[in-house]
Amino acid sequence: MADIFEIFGELSYFGIFLILIGVNASPILMPPSWIVLTSFYLLDPNLNIVLLSMVGATGATIGRFILKKISGLFRKFVGEEQKSNLDIIGDYLNRKKFGYVIASFLFGATPLPSNMLFITYGLMRAKSLGIYIGFWFGRVLSYIVMIYFGNAVLKPFLEIFEDRLTGILLVDVAGIGVIIFFASINWSLLITQRKIKFVKPKLWRF
């Protein structure tokens, strides 16, 4: 990992931009983007925090765009009930003027990994520029905060997960759990009648 930081660090902002695209285009087994950016900043404190955050957010948004496109190819394996559920969510967000913008911004503004969000967008075949606008602004905001407080946030996080691979796996498993939870909700009933009902998720059909 240290070698990767050295290689891309020599390319300055462009190197960071490239590595953020790669990290965010991958669905699993990648460290959170804020850890990557914070690590680069701790290695080179001369980097401008705002510019670094903007470069990182741009790379992250492009990477998530690629992930969304790849995820859309797997829609054919999703069960019909879940397809209908996903389409209901998509239609609901489309009817709201800033639906996708707000949803993506709220997710992007947190340090939580966004891979499962964009996998869901891909399965929904969501087509809205607001997805990327909201996510970009949310990520810029969260990156500035996380990089600025890098020493206070990064070190305790790494101490909790001494084995970094274990930490990444736990985060990915949690993300998959969230997707299964959302797939278990009867969204038609929730949106139309404001009632929560859970159904047995059948995500994949072969």
Protein backbone atom coordinates (compact mmCIF):
# COMPACT_ATOMS: atom_id res chain seq x y z
CA MET A 1 0.00 0.00 0.00
CA ALA A 2 2.85 2.37 0.87
CA ASP A 3 4.40 1.77 -2.57
CA ILE A 4 1.12 2.70 -4.25
CA PHE A 5 0.96 5.97 -2.31
CA GLU A 6 4.54 6.78 -3.30
CA ILE A 7 3.99 6.03 -7.00
CA PHE A 8 0.76 8.01 -7.32
CA GLY A 9 1.95 10.67 -4.89
CA GLU A 10 4.70 11.61 -7.33
CA LEU A 11 1.98 12.57 -9.83
CA SER A 12 0.50 14.96 -7.25
CA TYR A 13 -3.19 15.77 -7.74
CA PHE A 14 -3.42 13.87 -11.04
CA GLY A 15 -2.14 10.70 -9.39
CA ILE A 16 -4.64 11.09 -6.56
CA PHE A 17 -7.39 11.65 -9.14
CA LEU A 18 -6.51 8.39 -10.91
CA ILE A 19 -6.37 6.29 -7.76
CA LEU A 20 -9.74 7.67 -6.59
CA ILE A 21 -11.32 6.61 -9.90
CA GLY A 22 -9.97 3.09 -9.44
CA VAL A 23 -11.01 2.82 -5.79
CA ASN A 24 -14.56 3.99 -6.51
CA ALA A 25 -15.06 1.92 -9.67
CA SER A 26 -14.58 -1.25 -7.63
CA PRO A 27 -17.70 -2.66 -5.89
CA ILE A 28 -15.93 -4.21 -2.88
CA LEU A 29 -12.59 -4.72 -1.09
CA MET A 30 -11.47 -1.10 -1.38
CA PRO A 31 -10.72 1.29 1.50
CA PRO A 32 -13.03 4.28 1.98
CA SER A 33 -11.99 7.22 -0.21
CA TRP A 34 -11.56 9.55 2.75
CA ILE A 35 -8.87 7.25 4.17
CA VAL A 36 -6.98 7.40 0.85
CA LEU A 37 -7.19 11.20 0.67
CA THR A 38 -6.29 11.67 4.33
CA SER A 39 -3.29 9.39 3.92
CA PHE A 40 -2.05 11.42 0.95
CA TYR A 41 -2.46 14.63 2.92
CA LEU A 42 -0.61 13.27 5.94
CA LEU A 43 2.24 12.26 3.61
CA ASP A 44 2.30 15.72 2.01
CA PRO A 45 0.77 18.48 4.20
CA ASN A 46 1.58 21.02 1.46
CA LEU A 47 -1.43 19.79 -0.51
CA ASN A 48 -4.33 22.24 -0.49
CA ILE A 49 -7.21 20.67 1.45
CA VAL A 50 -10.00 22.25 -0.63
CA LEU A 51 -8.35 21.46 -3.96
CA LEU A 52 -7.51 17.93 -2.78
CA SER A 53 -11.14 17.43 -1.76
CA MET A 54 -12.41 18.68 -5.13
CA VAL A 55 -10.00 16.46 -7.05
CA GLY A 56 -10.93 13.51 -4.85
CA ALA A 57 -14.66 14.15 -5.26
CA THR A 58 -14.28 14.35 -9.04
CA GLY A 59 -12.36 11.08 -9.18
CA ALA A 60 -14.84 9.43 -6.80
CA THR A 61 -17.82 10.60 -8.88
CA ILE A 62 -16.32 9.28 -12.12
CA GLY A 63 -15.49 5.99 -10.41
CA ARG A 64 -19.03 5.65 -9.07
CA PHE A 65 -20.41 6.44 -12.54
CA ILE A 66 -18.42 3.49 -13.89
CA LEU A 67 -19.61 1.26 -11.03
CA LYS A 68 -23.23 2.26 -11.69
CA LYS A 69 -22.89 1.39 -15.38
CA ILE A 70 -21.38 -2.02 -14.60
CA SER A 71 -24.05 -2.74 -11.96
CA GLY A 72 -26.81 -2.05 -14.48
CA LEU A 73 -25.64 -5.08 -16.49
CA PHE A 74 -26.67 -7.37 -13.62
CA ARG A 75 -30.29 -6.19 -13.48
CA LYS A 76 -31.34 -9.21 -15.54
CA PHE A 77 -30.39 -11.46 -12.63
CA VAL A 78 -32.62 -9.61 -10.15
CA GLY A 79 -35.97 -11.17 -9.19
CA GLU A 80 -39.10 -9.63 -10.73
CA GLU A 81 -40.49 -8.51 -7.36
CA GLN A 82 -37.26 -6.71 -6.52
CA LYS A 83 -37.16 -5.13 -9.99
CA SER A 84 -40.63 -3.75 -9.37
CA ASN A 85 -39.55 -2.52 -5.95
CA LEU A 86 -36.50 -0.76 -7.39
CA ASP A 87 -38.60 0.82 -10.16
CA ILE A 88 -41.04 2.18 -7.58
CA ILE A 89 -38.19 3.88 -5.69
CA GLY A 90 -36.82 5.26 -8.97
CA ASP A 91 -40.22 6.63 -10.03
CA TYR A 92 -40.68 8.23 -6.62
CA LEU A 93 -37.29 9.98 -6.77
CA ASN A 94 -37.95 11.09 -10.35
CA ARG A 95 -41.19 12.76 -9.28
CA LYS A 96 -39.37 14.78 -6.65
CA LYS A 97 -37.66 17.83 -8.16
CA PHE A 98 -34.43 17.30 -6.23
CA GLY A 99 -34.98 13.67 -5.24
CA TYR A 100 -31.74 12.23 -6.56
CA VAL A 101 -29.74 15.35 -5.67
CA ILE A 102 -30.79 15.22 -2.02
CA ALA A 103 -30.43 11.44 -1.71
CA SER A 104 -26.93 11.46 -3.21
CA PHE A 105 -25.83 14.55 -1.28
CA LEU A 106 -26.91 13.11 2.07
CA PHE A 107 -25.03 9.89 1.34
CA GLY A 108 -22.00 11.68 -0.10
CA ALA A 109 -21.75 14.05 2.86
CA THR A 110 -21.08 11.16 5.26
CA PRO A 111 -17.90 9.05 5.52
CA LEU A 112 -19.99 5.94 4.81
CA PRO A 113 -18.97 3.92 1.73
CA SER A 114 -21.21 4.66 -1.24
CA ASN A 115 -20.55 1.54 -3.33
CA MET A 116 -23.87 -0.09 -2.44
CA LEU A 117 -25.76 3.13 -3.18
CA PHE A 118 -24.45 3.23 -6.74
CA ILE A 119 -24.92 -0.49 -7.22
CA THR A 120 -28.56 0.11 -6.31
CA TYR A 121 -28.73 3.06 -8.72
CA GLY A 122 -27.33 0.78 -11.41
CA LEU A 123 -29.91 -1.93 -10.73
CA MET A 124 -32.61 0.78 -10.81
CA ARG A 125 -31.20 2.05 -14.12
CA ALA A 126 -31.45 5.53 -12.63
CA LYS A 127 -30.77 8.27 -15.18
CA SER A 128 -30.41 11.63 -13.52
CA LEU A 129 -27.61 14.18 -13.53
CA GLY A 130 -28.70 15.01 -9.99
CA ILE A 131 -27.16 11.72 -8.82
CA TYR A 132 -23.68 12.98 -9.63
CA ILE A 133 -24.20 16.65 -8.71
CA GLY A 134 -25.47 15.80 -5.23
CA PHE A 135 -22.79 13.18 -4.68
CA TRP A 136 -19.97 15.49 -5.80
CA PHE A 137 -20.95 18.33 -3.50
CA GLY A 138 -21.55 15.91 -0.63
CA ARG A 139 -18.15 14.31 -1.10
CA VAL A 140 -16.33 17.65 -1.30
CA LEU A 141 -17.87 18.64 2.02
CA SER A 142 -17.15 15.34 3.76
CA TYR A 143 -13.59 15.14 2.38
CA ILE A 144 -12.73 18.63 3.62
CA VAL A 145 -13.90 17.70 7.12
CA MET A 146 -12.24 14.29 7.18
CA ILE A 147 -8.92 15.53 5.78
CA TYR A 148 -8.84 18.55 8.10
CA PHE A 149 -9.34 16.30 11.12
CA GLY A 150 -7.20 13.54 9.62
CA ASN A 151 -4.97 12.84 12.59
CA ALA A 152 -7.88 12.78 15.01
CA VAL A 153 -10.05 10.52 12.83
CA LEU A 154 -7.74 8.26 10.81
CA LYS A 155 -5.50 6.87 13.56
CA PRO A 156 -8.31 5.75 15.91
CA PHE A 157 -10.10 4.20 12.92
CA LEU A 158 -7.03 2.18 11.96
CA GLU A 159 -6.49 1.15 15.57
CA ILE A 160 -10.01 -0.26 15.72
CA PHE A 161 -9.30 -2.27 12.57
CA GLU A 162 -5.67 -3.24 12.97
CA ASP A 163 -6.11 -5.72 10.17
CA ARG A 164 -7.18 -3.35 7.38
CA LEU A 165 -8.58 -6.13 5.21
CA THR A 166 -10.84 -7.22 8.08
CA GLY A 167 -12.06 -3.64 8.47
CA ILE A 168 -12.80 -3.30 4.76
CA LEU A 169 -14.63 -6.65 4.72
CA LEU A 170 -16.76 -5.65 7.72
CA VAL A 171 -17.73 -2.37 6.02
CA ASP A 172 -18.61 -4.21 2.79
CA VAL A 173 -20.69 -6.82 4.65
CA ALA A 174 -22.54 -4.01 6.42
CA GLY A 175 -23.23 -2.37 3.05
CA ILE A 176 -24.60 -5.62 1.61
CA GLY A 177 -26.78 -5.95 4.70
CA VAL A 178 -28.23 -2.49 4.06
CA ILE A 179 -29.08 -3.45 0.46
CA ILE A 180 -30.85 -6.63 1.62
CA PHE A 181 -32.74 -4.60 4.23
CA PHE A 182 -33.97 -2.10 1.63
CA ALA A 183 -34.87 -4.94 -0.73
CA SER A 184 -37.05 -6.40 2.04
CA ILE A 185 -39.22 -3.27 2.26
CA ASN A 186 -42.49 -3.13 0.32
CA TRP A 187 -41.84 0.31 -1.16
CA SER A 188 -45.17 0.52 -2.97
CA LEU A 189 -47.04 0.20 0.33
CA LEU A 190 -44.67 2.57 2.14
CA ILE A 191 -44.90 5.32 -0.49
CA THR A 192 -48.63 5.10 -1.17
CA GLN A 193 -50.01 4.27 2.30
CA ARG A 194 -47.11 5.22 4.60
CA LYS A 195 -47.11 1.69 6.04
CA ILE A 196 -44.02 -0.42 6.55
CA LYS A 197 -44.20 -4.04 5.49
CA PHE A 198 -41.33 -6.40 4.90
CA VAL A 199 -41.17 -9.12 2.27
CA LYS A 200 -38.75 -11.95 1.86
CA PRO A 201 -35.97 -10.65 -0.41
CA LYS A 202 -35.26 -12.71 -3.51
CA LEU A 203 -32.47 -10.65 -4.99
CA TRP A 204 -31.15 -12.98 -7.62
CA ARG A 205 -32.64 -15.44 -10.09
CA PHE A 206 -30.66 -17.91 -12.17
